[in-house]
Amino acid sequence: MKVAVYYNNKDIRIKEIPIPKIGKGEILVKVRASGICGSDVMEWYRIKTAPRVLGHEITGDIVEVGEGVDAYKVGDRVFVSHHVPCNKCKYCLNGQHTLCSTLRSTNFDPGGFAEYIRVPKINVDRGVFLLPKEISYEEGVFIEPLACSIRGFRIAEFKPNKTILIIGSGISGLLQLKLAKAWGAKKVVCVDINKYRIEKALEYGADLALHAEKDDVVKELKEINDGYLADMVIVSAGAPGAILQAIDCVDKGGTILLFAPLAPDIEVPIRIFDLWNKGVKVVSTYAGAPRDIEEAIEVLKTKKIEVKDMITHRLKLEEIQKGFDLVSEAKESVKVIIKF
């Protein structure tokens, strides 16, 4: 089978490897669609384990079922989660599944940028979800990133009728925009440094979309929000300036959600007094757990949000280097999907 092997953002190689053989309790899935995630092009994060086959936003068909698998059958359309929790550790028992060491170490074989994947027993047990007929293979690649946003919203205690500021209008920020509107936000303001993405934010329903550096975000935010700043600020851009801007733009008693990570060696000098004085809560989020995935599937199934309009590029596996270039350049693309 063909796979795309990641060496670095500018070096993705198509190779032929054997189709994985499954064992007891495992399944083999023929991949139909695989999304390129923003985290796939975080070179500081990915290059440490290169060369490897990346890809974790996948949908496909079960083509082989191992001994002992009764919940699924050949022909089932599925979404498969690469990370699954142990459900036994301190973190899982406290509802903090994405802090679980098992969740952070599990994966499918070899990765989603492959024609077939072997799904290990633990993933079969708690990471395989039937894809409803209402969700296409393409729409299904949004399940994982949407689940991440849903978890973030819950951790930040999202409430309707509040004003939300989203810093960073890439795929995550735009999904958060759609989710916030669907869940009853009073106003949603998006910020980015890219004109294309600012325009996309307006297209997808933002009440206001601003340039992070050229516009007076604090002033514009107050003008649209009765003189107040944002009740909740989501940092969906992996840049130190985005965190500082979040502190400037969050209202008294508000919440900052740190969604996009920075490289481990980056330090950001912040004014703790501003957070303390305004009574600001700062929370962070990583990944999604089975509960979040189930909720994401329901959101997509019931068409609470539309995602087809976010797909800007559909590429073949052989064209994956172009896809990585588009996502890493972050210029004129939203969601790039590899079709099989």
C-alpha atoms as a PDB file:
ATOM      1  CA  MET A   1       0.000   0.000   0.000  1.00  0.00           C
ATOM      2  CA  LYS A   2       1.020   3.624  -0.447  1.00  0.00           C
ATOM      3  CA  VAL A   3       1.866   5.826   2.520  1.00  0.00           C
ATOM      4  CA  ALA A   4       3.156   9.366   2.926  1.00  0.00           C
ATOM      5  CA  VAL A   5       6.243   9.455   5.143  1.00  0.00           C
ATOM      6  CA  TYR A   6       6.987  12.716   6.939  1.00  0.00           C
ATOM      7  CA  TYR A   7      10.625  13.825   7.244  1.00  0.00           C
ATOM      8  CA  ASN A   8       9.934  17.537   7.626  1.00  0.00           C
ATOM      9  CA  ASN A   9       7.368  20.004   6.310  1.00  0.00           C
ATOM     10  CA  LYS A  10       9.173  20.245   2.980  1.00  0.00           C
ATOM     11  CA  ASP A  11       9.991  16.564   2.631  1.00  0.00           C
ATOM     12  CA  ILE A  12       6.995  14.225   2.443  1.00  0.00           C
ATOM     13  CA  ARG A  13       7.789  11.016   0.546  1.00  0.00           C
ATOM     14  CA  ILE A  14       5.363   8.538  -0.990  1.00  0.00           C
ATOM     15  CA  LYS A  15       6.465   4.991  -0.275  1.00  0.00           C
ATOM     16  CA  GLU A  16       5.155   1.455  -0.666  1.00  0.00           C
ATOM     17  CA  ILE A  17       4.876  -0.708   2.458  1.00  0.00           C
ATOM     18  CA  PRO A  18       2.953  -3.918   3.197  1.00  0.00           C
ATOM     19  CA  ILE A  19      -0.681  -3.672   4.295  1.00  0.00           C
ATOM     20  CA  PRO A  20      -0.655  -4.180   8.085  1.00  0.00           C
ATOM     21  CA  LYS A  21      -1.717  -7.596   9.328  1.00  0.00           C
ATOM     22  CA  ILE A  22      -4.306  -7.486  12.091  1.00  0.00           C
ATOM     23  CA  GLY A  23      -4.434  -9.623  15.190  1.00  0.00           C
ATOM     24  CA  LYS A  24      -7.025 -10.682  17.711  1.00  0.00           C
ATOM     25  CA  GLY A  25      -9.364  -7.862  18.665  1.00  0.00           C
ATOM     26  CA  GLU A  26      -8.130  -5.604  15.863  1.00  0.00           C
ATOM     27  CA  ILE A  27      -9.628  -4.262  12.640  1.00  0.00           C
ATOM     28  CA  LEU A  28      -8.269  -3.119   9.295  1.00  0.00           C
ATOM     29  CA  VAL A  29      -9.700   0.093   7.855  1.00  0.00           C
ATOM     30  CA  LYS A  30      -9.492   1.308   4.276  1.00  0.00           C
ATOM     31  CA  VAL A  31      -8.968   5.065   4.577  1.00  0.00           C
ATOM     32  CA  ARG A  32     -11.327   7.158   2.449  1.00  0.00           C
ATOM     33  CA  ALA A  33     -10.474  10.677   3.604  1.00  0.00           C
ATOM     34  CA  SER A  34      -7.782  12.137   5.834  1.00  0.00           C
ATOM     35  CA  GLY A  35      -7.474  15.759   6.879  1.00  0.00           C
ATOM     36  CA  ILE A  36      -4.213  17.647   7.291  1.00  0.00           C
ATOM     37  CA  CYS A  37      -4.261  19.115  10.788  1.00  0.00           C
ATOM     38  CA  GLY A  38      -2.477  22.285  11.844  1.00  0.00           C
ATOM     39  CA  SER A  39      -0.545  20.150  14.317  1.00  0.00           C
ATOM     40  CA  ASP A  40       0.771  18.045  11.428  1.00  0.00           C
ATOM     41  CA  VAL A  41       2.789  21.042  10.233  1.00  0.00           C
ATOM     42  CA  MET A  42       4.106  22.080  13.660  1.00  0.00           C
ATOM     43  CA  GLU A  43       7.631  21.113  12.674  1.00  0.00           C
ATOM     44  CA  TRP A  44       9.113  21.614  16.158  1.00  0.00           C
ATOM     45  CA  TYR A  45       6.629  19.001  17.373  1.00  0.00           C
ATOM     46  CA  ARG A  46       6.654  16.508  14.522  1.00  0.00           C
ATOM     47  CA  ILE A  47      10.294  16.390  13.502  1.00  0.00           C
ATOM     48  CA  LYS A  48      11.293  14.795  16.821  1.00  0.00           C
ATOM     49  CA  THR A  49       9.657  11.509  15.750  1.00  0.00           C
ATOM     50  CA  ALA A  50      10.424  11.696  12.011  1.00  0.00           C
ATOM     51  CA  PRO A  51      10.435   9.803   9.747  1.00  0.00           C
ATOM     52  CA  ARG A  52       6.884   8.629  10.354  1.00  0.00           C
ATOM     53  CA  VAL A  53       3.442   8.435   8.783  1.00  0.00           C
ATOM     54  CA  LEU A  54       1.270  11.215  10.175  1.00  0.00           C
ATOM     55  CA  GLY A  55      -2.482  11.764   9.851  1.00  0.00           C
ATOM     56  CA  HIS A  56      -5.143  11.380  12.536  1.00  0.00           C
ATOM     57  CA  GLU A  57      -8.330  12.923  11.100  1.00  0.00           C
ATOM     58  CA  ILE A  58      -9.598   9.915   9.199  1.00  0.00           C
ATOM     59  CA  THR A  59     -12.734   8.209   7.992  1.00  0.00           C
ATOM     60  CA  GLY A  60     -12.987   4.939   6.141  1.00  0.00           C
ATOM     61  CA  ASP A  61     -14.463   1.468   5.752  1.00  0.00           C
ATOM     62  CA  ILE A  62     -13.763  -1.638   7.779  1.00  0.00           C
ATOM     63  CA  VAL A  63     -12.367  -4.244   5.395  1.00  0.00           C
ATOM     64  CA  GLU A  64     -11.200  -6.895   7.860  1.00  0.00           C
ATOM     65  CA  VAL A  65     -12.248  -7.840  11.382  1.00  0.00           C
ATOM     66  CA  GLY A  66     -10.060  -9.773  13.811  1.00  0.00           C
ATOM     67  CA  GLU A  67     -11.105 -12.616  16.066  1.00  0.00           C
ATOM     68  CA  GLY A  68     -13.208 -11.480  18.981  1.00  0.00           C
ATOM     69  CA  VAL A  69     -14.482  -8.267  17.420  1.00  0.00           C
ATOM     70  CA  ASP A  70     -18.265  -8.367  17.648  1.00  0.00           C
ATOM     71  CA  ALA A  71     -19.215  -4.668  17.708  1.00  0.00           C
ATOM     72  CA  TYR A  72     -18.174  -3.990  14.104  1.00  0.00           C
ATOM     73  CA  LYS A  73     -18.335  -5.771  10.767  1.00  0.00           C
ATOM     74  CA  VAL A  74     -16.794  -5.574   7.324  1.00  0.00           C
ATOM     75  CA  GLY A  75     -18.400  -2.726   5.388  1.00  0.00           C
ATOM     76  CA  ASP A  76     -19.048  -0.439   8.356  1.00  0.00           C
ATOM     77  CA  ARG A  77     -18.276   3.227   7.697  1.00  0.00           C
ATOM     78  CA  VAL A  78     -16.236   4.536  10.629  1.00  0.00           C
ATOM     79  CA  PHE A  79     -14.343   7.369  12.214  1.00  0.00           C
ATOM     80  CA  VAL A  80     -11.341   6.128  14.178  1.00  0.00           C
ATOM     81  CA  SER A  81      -9.751   8.053  17.041  1.00  0.00           C
ATOM     82  CA  HIS A  82      -5.982   7.725  17.238  1.00  0.00           C
ATOM     83  CA  HIS A  83      -5.817   8.664  20.945  1.00  0.00           C
ATOM     84  CA  VAL A  84      -7.857   6.727  23.509  1.00  0.00           C
ATOM     85  CA  PRO A  85      -7.814   6.872  27.328  1.00  0.00           C
ATOM     86  CA  CYS A  86      -7.276   4.061  29.815  1.00  0.00           C
ATOM     87  CA  ASN A  87     -10.460   4.977  31.766  1.00  0.00           C
ATOM     88  CA  LYS A  88      -8.764   3.815  34.986  1.00  0.00           C
ATOM     89  CA  CYS A  89      -6.135   6.373  36.019  1.00  0.00           C
ATOM     90  CA  LYS A  90      -6.568   9.352  38.334  1.00  0.00           C
ATOM     91  CA  TYR A  91      -7.110  11.713  35.417  1.00  0.00           C
ATOM     92  CA  CYS A  92      -9.707   9.591  33.643  1.00  0.00           C
ATOM     93  CA  LEU A  93     -11.629   9.058  36.881  1.00  0.00           C
ATOM     94  CA  ASN A  94     -11.666  12.846  37.359  1.00  0.00           C
ATOM     95  CA  GLY A  95     -12.983  13.436  33.839  1.00  0.00           C
ATOM     96  CA  GLN A  96      -9.589  14.691  32.631  1.00  0.00           C
ATOM     97  CA  HIS A  97      -9.176  11.987  29.987  1.00  0.00           C
ATOM     98  CA  THR A  98      -6.874  13.990  27.727  1.00  0.00           C
ATOM     99  CA  LEU A  99      -4.258  14.140  30.505  1.00  0.00           C
ATOM    100  CA  CYS A 100      -4.148  10.327  30.566  1.00  0.00           C
ATOM    101  CA  SER A 101      -0.736   8.863  29.668  1.00  0.00           C
ATOM    102  CA  THR A 102      -2.433   6.091  27.707  1.00  0.00           C
ATOM    103  CA  LEU A 103      -4.364   8.604  25.610  1.00  0.00           C
ATOM    104  CA  ARG A 104      -1.146  10.437  24.800  1.00  0.00           C
ATOM    105  CA  SER A 105       0.678   7.271  23.765  1.00  0.00           C
ATOM    106  CA  THR A 106      -1.948   5.334  21.771  1.00  0.00           C
ATOM    107  CA  ASN A 107      -2.223   5.514  17.991  1.00  0.00           C
ATOM    108  CA  PHE A 108      -3.233   3.500  14.953  1.00  0.00           C
ATOM    109  CA  ASP A 109      -0.767   1.875  12.551  1.00  0.00           C
ATOM    110  CA  PRO A 110       0.907   3.371  10.581  1.00  0.00           C
ATOM    111  CA  GLY A 111      -0.961   6.711  10.423  1.00  0.00           C
ATOM    112  CA  GLY A 112      -3.832   8.338   8.568  1.00  0.00           C
ATOM    113  CA  PHE A 113      -1.850   9.268   5.465  1.00  0.00           C
ATOM    114  CA  ALA A 114      -1.937   5.659   4.333  1.00  0.00           C
ATOM    115  CA  GLU A 115      -4.290   3.561   2.240  1.00  0.00           C
ATOM    116  CA  TYR A 116      -4.989   1.217   5.156  1.00  0.00           C
ATOM    117  CA  ILE A 117      -4.625   1.412   8.924  1.00  0.00           C
ATOM    118  CA  ARG A 118      -4.488  -1.300  11.559  1.00  0.00           C
ATOM    119  CA  VAL A 119      -6.584  -0.337  14.560  1.00  0.00           C
ATOM    120  CA  PRO A 120      -5.176  -1.823  17.812  1.00  0.00           C
ATOM    121  CA  LYS A 121      -7.433  -3.609  20.279  1.00  0.00           C
ATOM    122  CA  ILE A 122      -7.612  -0.720  22.756  1.00  0.00           C
ATOM    123  CA  ASN A 123      -8.644   1.680  19.965  1.00  0.00           C
ATOM    124  CA  VAL A 124     -11.243  -0.791  18.723  1.00  0.00           C
ATOM    125  CA  ASP A 125     -12.622  -0.955  22.252  1.00  0.00           C
ATOM    126  CA  ARG A 126     -13.043   2.792  22.781  1.00  0.00           C
ATOM    127  CA  GLY A 127     -11.952   4.697  19.683  1.00  0.00           C
ATOM    128  CA  VAL A 128     -14.053   3.443  16.772  1.00  0.00           C
ATOM    129  CA  PHE A 129     -17.305   5.238  15.981  1.00  0.00           C
ATOM    130  CA  LEU A 130     -19.826   4.337  13.309  1.00  0.00           C
ATOM    131  CA  LEU A 131     -20.194   7.146  10.802  1.00  0.00           C
ATOM    132  CA  PRO A 132     -23.881   8.083  10.478  1.00  0.00           C
ATOM    133  CA  LYS A 133     -25.302   8.177   6.966  1.00  0.00           C
ATOM    134  CA  GLU A 134     -25.847  11.915   7.423  1.00  0.00           C
ATOM    135  CA  ILE A 135     -22.070  12.466   7.585  1.00  0.00           C
ATOM    136  CA  SER A 136     -19.954  11.997   4.451  1.00  0.00           C
ATOM    137  CA  TYR A 137     -16.375  10.727   4.555  1.00  0.00           C
ATOM    138  CA  GLU A 138     -15.203  14.289   3.907  1.00  0.00           C
ATOM    139  CA  GLU A 139     -17.331  15.796   6.661  1.00  0.00           C
ATOM    140  CA  GLY A 140     -16.152  13.064   8.998  1.00  0.00           C
ATOM    141  CA  VAL A 141     -12.568  14.339   8.992  1.00  0.00           C
ATOM    142  CA  PHE A 142     -13.872  17.311  10.991  1.00  0.00           C
ATOM    143  CA  ILE A 143     -14.944  15.049  13.877  1.00  0.00           C
ATOM    144  CA  GLU A 144     -11.549  15.068  15.592  1.00  0.00           C
ATOM    145  CA  PRO A 145     -10.810  18.822  15.380  1.00  0.00           C
ATOM    146  CA  LEU A 146     -14.397  19.626  16.329  1.00  0.00           C
ATOM    147  CA  ALA A 147     -14.136  17.321  19.345  1.00  0.00           C
ATOM    148  CA  CYS A 148     -11.037  19.235  20.457  1.00  0.00           C
ATOM    149  CA  SER A 149     -12.963  22.517  20.282  1.00  0.00           C
ATOM    150  CA  ILE A 150     -15.982  21.073  22.077  1.00  0.00           C
ATOM    151  CA  ARG A 151     -13.762  19.942  24.935  1.00  0.00           C
ATOM    152  CA  GLY A 152     -12.146  23.376  25.077  1.00  0.00           C
ATOM    153  CA  PHE A 153     -15.542  25.053  25.254  1.00  0.00           C
ATOM    154  CA  ARG A 154     -16.571  22.818  28.139  1.00  0.00           C
ATOM    155  CA  ILE A 155     -13.335  23.429  30.048  1.00  0.00           C
ATOM    156  CA  ALA A 156     -13.756  27.169  29.549  1.00  0.00           C
ATOM    157  CA  GLU A 157     -17.395  26.854  30.688  1.00  0.00           C
ATOM    158  CA  PHE A 158     -18.828  28.382  27.525  1.00  0.00           C
ATOM    159  CA  LYS A 159     -22.230  29.987  28.066  1.00  0.00           C
ATOM    160  CA  PRO A 160     -24.657  31.425  25.496  1.00  0.00           C
ATOM    161  CA  ASN A 161     -25.308  35.170  25.246  1.00  0.00           C
ATOM    162  CA  LYS A 162     -21.655  35.986  25.874  1.00  0.00           C
ATOM    163  CA  THR A 163     -19.175  37.761  23.615  1.00  0.00           C
ATOM    164  CA  ILE A 164     -16.375  35.558  22.294  1.00  0.00           C
ATOM    165  CA  LEU A 165     -13.084  36.738  20.813  1.00  0.00           C
ATOM    166  CA  ILE A 166     -11.133  34.188  18.773  1.00  0.00           C
ATOM    167  CA  ILE A 167      -7.493  35.035  18.091  1.00  0.00           C
ATOM    168  CA  GLY A 168      -6.409  33.022  15.067  1.00  0.00           C
ATOM    169  CA  SER A 169      -8.725  32.232  12.170  1.00  0.00           C
ATOM    170  CA  GLY A 170      -7.206  29.019  10.900  1.00  0.00           C
ATOM    171  CA  ILE A 171      -9.269  25.842  10.762  1.00  0.00           C
ATOM    172  CA  SER A 172      -9.551  25.598  14.567  1.00  0.00           C
ATOM    173  CA  GLY A 173     -10.512  29.227  15.017  1.00  0.00           C
ATOM    174  CA  LEU A 174     -13.089  29.045  12.241  1.00  0.00           C
ATOM    175  CA  LEU A 175     -14.591  25.843  13.656  1.00  0.00           C
ATOM    176  CA  GLN A 176     -14.804  27.577  17.032  1.00  0.00           C
ATOM    177  CA  LEU A 177     -16.537  30.506  15.352  1.00  0.00           C
ATOM    178  CA  LYS A 178     -19.184  28.216  13.879  1.00  0.00           C
ATOM    179  CA  LEU A 179     -19.591  26.320  17.143  1.00  0.00           C
ATOM    180  CA  ALA A 180     -19.922  29.496  19.209  1.00  0.00           C
ATOM    181  CA  LYS A 181     -22.599  30.847  16.872  1.00  0.00           C
ATOM    182  CA  ALA A 182     -24.465  27.529  16.893  1.00  0.00           C
ATOM    183  CA  TRP A 183     -24.383  27.429  20.681  1.00  0.00           C
ATOM    184  CA  GLY A 184     -25.842  30.912  21.072  1.00  0.00           C
ATOM    185  CA  ALA A 185     -22.965  33.335  21.534  1.00  0.00           C
ATOM    186  CA  LYS A 186     -24.059  36.969  21.711  1.00  0.00           C
ATOM    187  CA  LYS A 187     -21.211  38.195  19.504  1.00  0.00           C
ATOM    188  CA  VAL A 188     -18.224  36.445  17.952  1.00  0.00           C
ATOM    189  CA  VAL A 189     -15.207  38.497  16.920  1.00  0.00           C
ATOM    190  CA  CYS A 190     -12.329  36.911  15.003  1.00  0.00           C
ATOM    191  CA  VAL A 191      -8.762  38.152  14.681  1.00  0.00           C
ATOM    192  CA  ASP A 192      -5.993  37.111  12.304  1.00  0.00           C
ATOM    193  CA  ILE A 193      -3.102  38.586  10.325  1.00  0.00           C
ATOM    194  CA  ASN A 194      -4.147  37.036   7.019  1.00  0.00           C
ATOM    195  CA  LYS A 195      -6.661  38.868   4.818  1.00  0.00           C
ATOM    196  CA  TYR A 196      -8.019  35.635   3.302  1.00  0.00           C
ATOM    197  CA  ARG A 197      -8.817  34.191   6.717  1.00  0.00           C
ATOM    198  CA  ILE A 198     -10.303  37.436   7.954  1.00  0.00           C
ATOM    199  CA  GLU A 199     -12.655  37.337   4.970  1.00  0.00           C
ATOM    200  CA  LYS A 200     -13.454  33.670   5.655  1.00  0.00           C
ATOM    201  CA  ALA A 201     -14.380  34.529   9.235  1.00  0.00           C
ATOM    202  CA  LEU A 202     -16.903  37.061   7.969  1.00  0.00           C
ATOM    203  CA  GLU A 203     -18.199  34.544   5.426  1.00  0.00           C
ATOM    204  CA  TYR A 204     -18.716  31.972   8.195  1.00  0.00           C
ATOM    205  CA  GLY A 205     -20.703  34.344  10.383  1.00  0.00           C
ATOM    206  CA  ALA A 206     -18.344  36.441  12.506  1.00  0.00           C
ATOM    207  CA  ASP A 207     -19.940  39.639  13.753  1.00  0.00           C
ATOM    208  CA  LEU A 208     -16.599  41.330  13.273  1.00  0.00           C
ATOM    209  CA  ALA A 209     -13.258  40.212  11.824  1.00  0.00           C
ATOM    210  CA  LEU A 210     -10.128  42.251  12.475  1.00  0.00           C
ATOM    211  CA  HIS A 211      -6.458  42.377  11.605  1.00  0.00           C
ATOM    212  CA  ALA A 212      -4.455  41.548  14.732  1.00  0.00           C
ATOM    213  CA  GLU A 213      -1.793  44.176  14.038  1.00  0.00           C
ATOM    214  CA  LYS A 214      -3.417  46.825  11.853  1.00  0.00           C
ATOM    215  CA  ASP A 215      -6.715  47.248  13.729  1.00  0.00           C
ATOM    216  CA  ASP A 216      -7.289  48.559  17.242  1.00  0.00           C
ATOM    217  CA  VAL A 217      -8.837  45.348  18.502  1.00  0.00           C
ATOM    218  CA  VAL A 218      -9.624  46.634  21.998  1.00  0.00           C
ATOM    219  CA  LYS A 219     -11.401  49.704  20.633  1.00  0.00           C
ATOM    220  CA  GLU A 220     -13.332  47.796  17.956  1.00  0.00           C
ATOM    221  CA  LEU A 221     -14.326  45.119  20.464  1.00  0.00           C
ATOM    222  CA  LYS A 222     -15.757  47.685  22.864  1.00  0.00           C
ATOM    223  CA  GLU A 223     -17.653  49.406  20.083  1.00  0.00           C
ATOM    224  CA  ILE A 224     -19.460  46.220  19.068  1.00  0.00           C
ATOM    225  CA  ASN A 225     -19.985  45.046  22.662  1.00  0.00           C
ATOM    226  CA  ASP A 226     -21.606  47.959  24.502  1.00  0.00           C
ATOM    227  CA  GLY A 227     -18.300  49.219  25.866  1.00  0.00           C
ATOM    228  CA  TYR A 228     -17.149  45.877  27.259  1.00  0.00           C
ATOM    229  CA  LEU A 229     -14.315  43.561  26.346  1.00  0.00           C
ATOM    230  CA  ALA A 230     -14.751  39.847  25.562  1.00  0.00           C
ATOM    231  CA  ASP A 231     -16.244  37.458  28.100  1.00  0.00           C
ATOM    232  CA  MET A 232     -14.158  34.639  26.657  1.00  0.00           C
ATOM    233  CA  VAL A 233     -11.002  34.823  24.560  1.00  0.00           C
ATOM    234  CA  ILE A 234      -9.786  31.748  22.681  1.00  0.00           C
ATOM    235  CA  VAL A 235      -6.123  31.731  21.697  1.00  0.00           C
ATOM    236  CA  SER A 236      -6.079  29.662  18.507  1.00  0.00           C
ATOM    237  CA  ALA A 237      -2.845  31.075  17.134  1.00  0.00           C
ATOM    238  CA  GLY A 238       0.479  29.653  18.244  1.00  0.00           C
ATOM    239  CA  ALA A 239       2.154  33.012  18.713  1.00  0.00           C
ATOM    240  CA  PRO A 240       3.325  34.837  21.877  1.00  0.00           C
ATOM    241  CA  GLY A 241       1.623  38.024  20.698  1.00  0.00           C
ATOM    242  CA  ALA A 242      -1.732  36.239  20.638  1.00  0.00           C
ATOM    243  CA  ILE A 243      -1.474  35.491  24.357  1.00  0.00           C
ATOM    244  CA  LEU A 244      -0.606  39.092  25.187  1.00  0.00           C
ATOM    245  CA  GLN A 245      -3.479  40.299  23.024  1.00  0.00           C
ATOM    246  CA  ALA A 246      -5.834  37.919  24.834  1.00  0.00           C
ATOM    247  CA  ILE A 247      -4.912  39.510  28.164  1.00  0.00           C
ATOM    248  CA  ASP A 248      -5.604  42.968  26.749  1.00  0.00           C
ATOM    249  CA  CYS A 249      -8.958  41.935  25.299  1.00  0.00           C
ATOM    250  CA  VAL A 250     -10.546  39.819  28.042  1.00  0.00           C
ATOM    251  CA  ASP A 251     -13.141  41.509  30.222  1.00  0.00           C
ATOM    252  CA  LYS A 252     -13.263  41.558  34.013  1.00  0.00           C
ATOM    253  CA  GLY A 253     -14.244  38.141  35.279  1.00  0.00           C
ATOM    254  CA  GLY A 254     -13.663  36.676  31.843  1.00  0.00           C
ATOM    255  CA  THR A 255     -11.892  33.531  30.689  1.00  0.00           C
ATOM    256  CA  ILE A 256      -8.888  32.937  28.431  1.00  0.00           C
ATOM    257  CA  LEU A 257      -8.760  29.534  26.735  1.00  0.00           C
ATOM    258  CA  LEU A 258      -5.264  28.539  25.598  1.00  0.00           C
ATOM    259  CA  PHE A 259      -6.062  26.298  22.635  1.00  0.00           C
ATOM    260  CA  ALA A 260      -3.041  26.527  20.314  1.00  0.00           C
ATOM    261  CA  PRO A 261       0.311  25.535  21.820  1.00  0.00           C
ATOM    262  CA  LEU A 262       3.657  27.295  21.652  1.00  0.00           C
ATOM    263  CA  ALA A 263       6.962  25.464  21.258  1.00  0.00           C
ATOM    264  CA  PRO A 264       8.244  24.301  24.662  1.00  0.00           C
ATOM    265  CA  ASP A 265      11.233  26.654  24.630  1.00  0.00           C
ATOM    266  CA  ILE A 266       9.158  29.814  24.074  1.00  0.00           C
ATOM    267  CA  GLU A 267       8.610  31.996  27.137  1.00  0.00           C
ATOM    268  CA  VAL A 268       6.019  34.763  27.225  1.00  0.00           C
ATOM    269  CA  PRO A 269       6.428  37.602  29.733  1.00  0.00           C
ATOM    270  CA  ILE A 270       2.929  38.395  30.946  1.00  0.00           C
ATOM    271  CA  ARG A 271       1.549  40.994  33.307  1.00  0.00           C
ATOM    272  CA  ILE A 272       0.180  38.841  36.105  1.00  0.00           C
ATOM    273  CA  PHE A 273      -1.281  41.957  37.722  1.00  0.00           C
ATOM    274  CA  ASP A 274      -3.658  42.413  34.792  1.00  0.00           C
ATOM    275  CA  LEU A 275      -4.991  38.884  35.187  1.00  0.00           C
ATOM    276  CA  TRP A 276      -5.237  39.213  38.963  1.00  0.00           C
ATOM    277  CA  ASN A 277      -6.766  42.683  38.886  1.00  0.00           C
ATOM    278  CA  LYS A 278      -9.462  41.710  36.377  1.00  0.00           C
ATOM    279  CA  GLY A 279     -10.210  38.372  38.028  1.00  0.00           C
ATOM    280  CA  VAL A 280      -9.441  36.482  34.834  1.00  0.00           C
ATOM    281  CA  LYS A 281      -9.515  32.694  34.644  1.00  0.00           C
ATOM    282  CA  VAL A 282      -6.937  31.059  32.347  1.00  0.00           C
ATOM    283  CA  VAL A 283      -7.504  27.466  31.220  1.00  0.00           C
ATOM    284  CA  SER A 284      -5.923  25.207  28.627  1.00  0.00           C
ATOM    285  CA  THR A 285      -7.043  22.229  26.594  1.00  0.00           C
ATOM    286  CA  TYR A 286      -5.490  19.365  24.679  1.00  0.00           C
ATOM    287  CA  ALA A 287      -7.120  16.899  22.281  1.00  0.00           C
ATOM    288  CA  GLY A 288     -10.557  15.320  22.688  1.00  0.00           C
ATOM    289  CA  ALA A 289     -11.886  12.280  24.528  1.00  0.00           C
ATOM    290  CA  PRO A 290     -14.611   9.782  23.510  1.00  0.00           C
ATOM    291  CA  ARG A 291     -17.328  11.947  25.090  1.00  0.00           C
ATOM    292  CA  ASP A 292     -16.222  14.919  22.967  1.00  0.00           C
ATOM    293  CA  ILE A 293     -16.084  12.782  19.825  1.00  0.00           C
ATOM    294  CA  GLU A 294     -19.635  11.550  20.386  1.00  0.00           C
ATOM    295  CA  GLU A 295     -20.812  15.135  20.792  1.00  0.00           C
ATOM    296  CA  ALA A 296     -18.950  16.231  17.661  1.00  0.00           C
ATOM    297  CA  ILE A 297     -20.587  13.450  15.670  1.00  0.00           C
ATOM    298  CA  GLU A 298     -23.999  14.571  16.900  1.00  0.00           C
ATOM    299  CA  VAL A 299     -23.280  18.203  15.973  1.00  0.00           C
ATOM    300  CA  LEU A 300     -22.324  17.175  12.441  1.00  0.00           C
ATOM    301  CA  LYS A 301     -25.126  14.624  12.086  1.00  0.00           C
ATOM    302  CA  THR A 302     -27.805  17.145  13.039  1.00  0.00           C
ATOM    303  CA  LYS A 303     -26.199  19.879  10.904  1.00  0.00           C
ATOM    304  CA  LYS A 304     -25.829  22.246  13.850  1.00  0.00           C
ATOM    305  CA  ILE A 305     -22.861  23.538  11.891  1.00  0.00           C
ATOM    306  CA  GLU A 306     -21.917  23.195   8.240  1.00  0.00           C
ATOM    307  CA  VAL A 307     -18.372  22.106   7.400  1.00  0.00           C
ATOM    308  CA  LYS A 308     -18.430  21.286   3.687  1.00  0.00           C
ATOM    309  CA  ASP A 309     -17.876  24.947   2.872  1.00  0.00           C
ATOM    310  CA  MET A 310     -14.611  24.830   4.841  1.00  0.00           C
ATOM    311  CA  ILE A 311     -12.990  22.318   2.487  1.00  0.00           C
ATOM    312  CA  THR A 312     -10.825  24.394   0.160  1.00  0.00           C
ATOM    313  CA  HIS A 313      -8.608  21.663  -1.280  1.00  0.00           C
ATOM    314  CA  ARG A 314      -9.096  17.976  -2.091  1.00  0.00           C
ATOM    315  CA  LEU A 315      -5.864  16.241  -3.033  1.00  0.00           C
ATOM    316  CA  LYS A 316      -4.617  12.754  -3.875  1.00  0.00           C
ATOM    317  CA  LEU A 317      -2.084  11.087  -1.589  1.00  0.00           C
ATOM    318  CA  GLU A 318       0.564  11.673  -4.253  1.00  0.00           C
ATOM    319  CA  GLU A 319      -0.126  15.419  -3.918  1.00  0.00           C
ATOM    320  CA  ILE A 320       0.303  15.531  -0.150  1.00  0.00           C
ATOM    321  CA  GLN A 321       3.405  17.731  -0.322  1.00  0.00           C
ATOM    322  CA  LYS A 322       1.236  20.433  -1.881  1.00  0.00           C
ATOM    323  CA  GLY A 323      -1.205  19.982   0.981  1.00  0.00           C
ATOM    324  CA  PHE A 324       1.513  20.393   3.607  1.00  0.00           C
ATOM    325  CA  ASP A 325       2.760  23.485   1.805  1.00  0.00           C
ATOM    326  CA  LEU A 326      -0.739  24.991   1.824  1.00  0.00           C
ATOM    327  CA  VAL A 327      -1.336  24.301   5.513  1.00  0.00           C
ATOM    328  CA  SER A 328       2.117  25.391   6.704  1.00  0.00           C
ATOM    329  CA  GLU A 329       2.031  28.596   4.639  1.00  0.00           C
ATOM    330  CA  ALA A 330      -1.408  29.388   6.133  1.00  0.00           C
ATOM    331  CA  LYS A 331      -2.327  31.750   3.326  1.00  0.00           C
ATOM    332  CA  GLU A 332      -5.254  30.769   1.108  1.00  0.00           C
ATOM    333  CA  SER A 333      -6.579  27.514   2.491  1.00  0.00           C
ATOM    334  CA  VAL A 334      -8.889  26.428   5.264  1.00  0.00           C
ATOM    335  CA  LYS A 335      -9.287  22.637   5.280  1.00  0.00           C
ATOM    336  CA  VAL A 336      -7.076  20.481   3.092  1.00  0.00           C
ATOM    337  CA  ILE A 337      -8.206  16.876   2.675  1.00  0.00           C
ATOM    338  CA  ILE A 338      -6.423  13.883   1.209  1.00  0.00           C
ATOM    339  CA  LYS A 339      -8.869  11.681  -0.708  1.00  0.00           C
ATOM    340  CA  PHE A 340      -8.267   7.969  -1.311  1.00  0.00           C
END
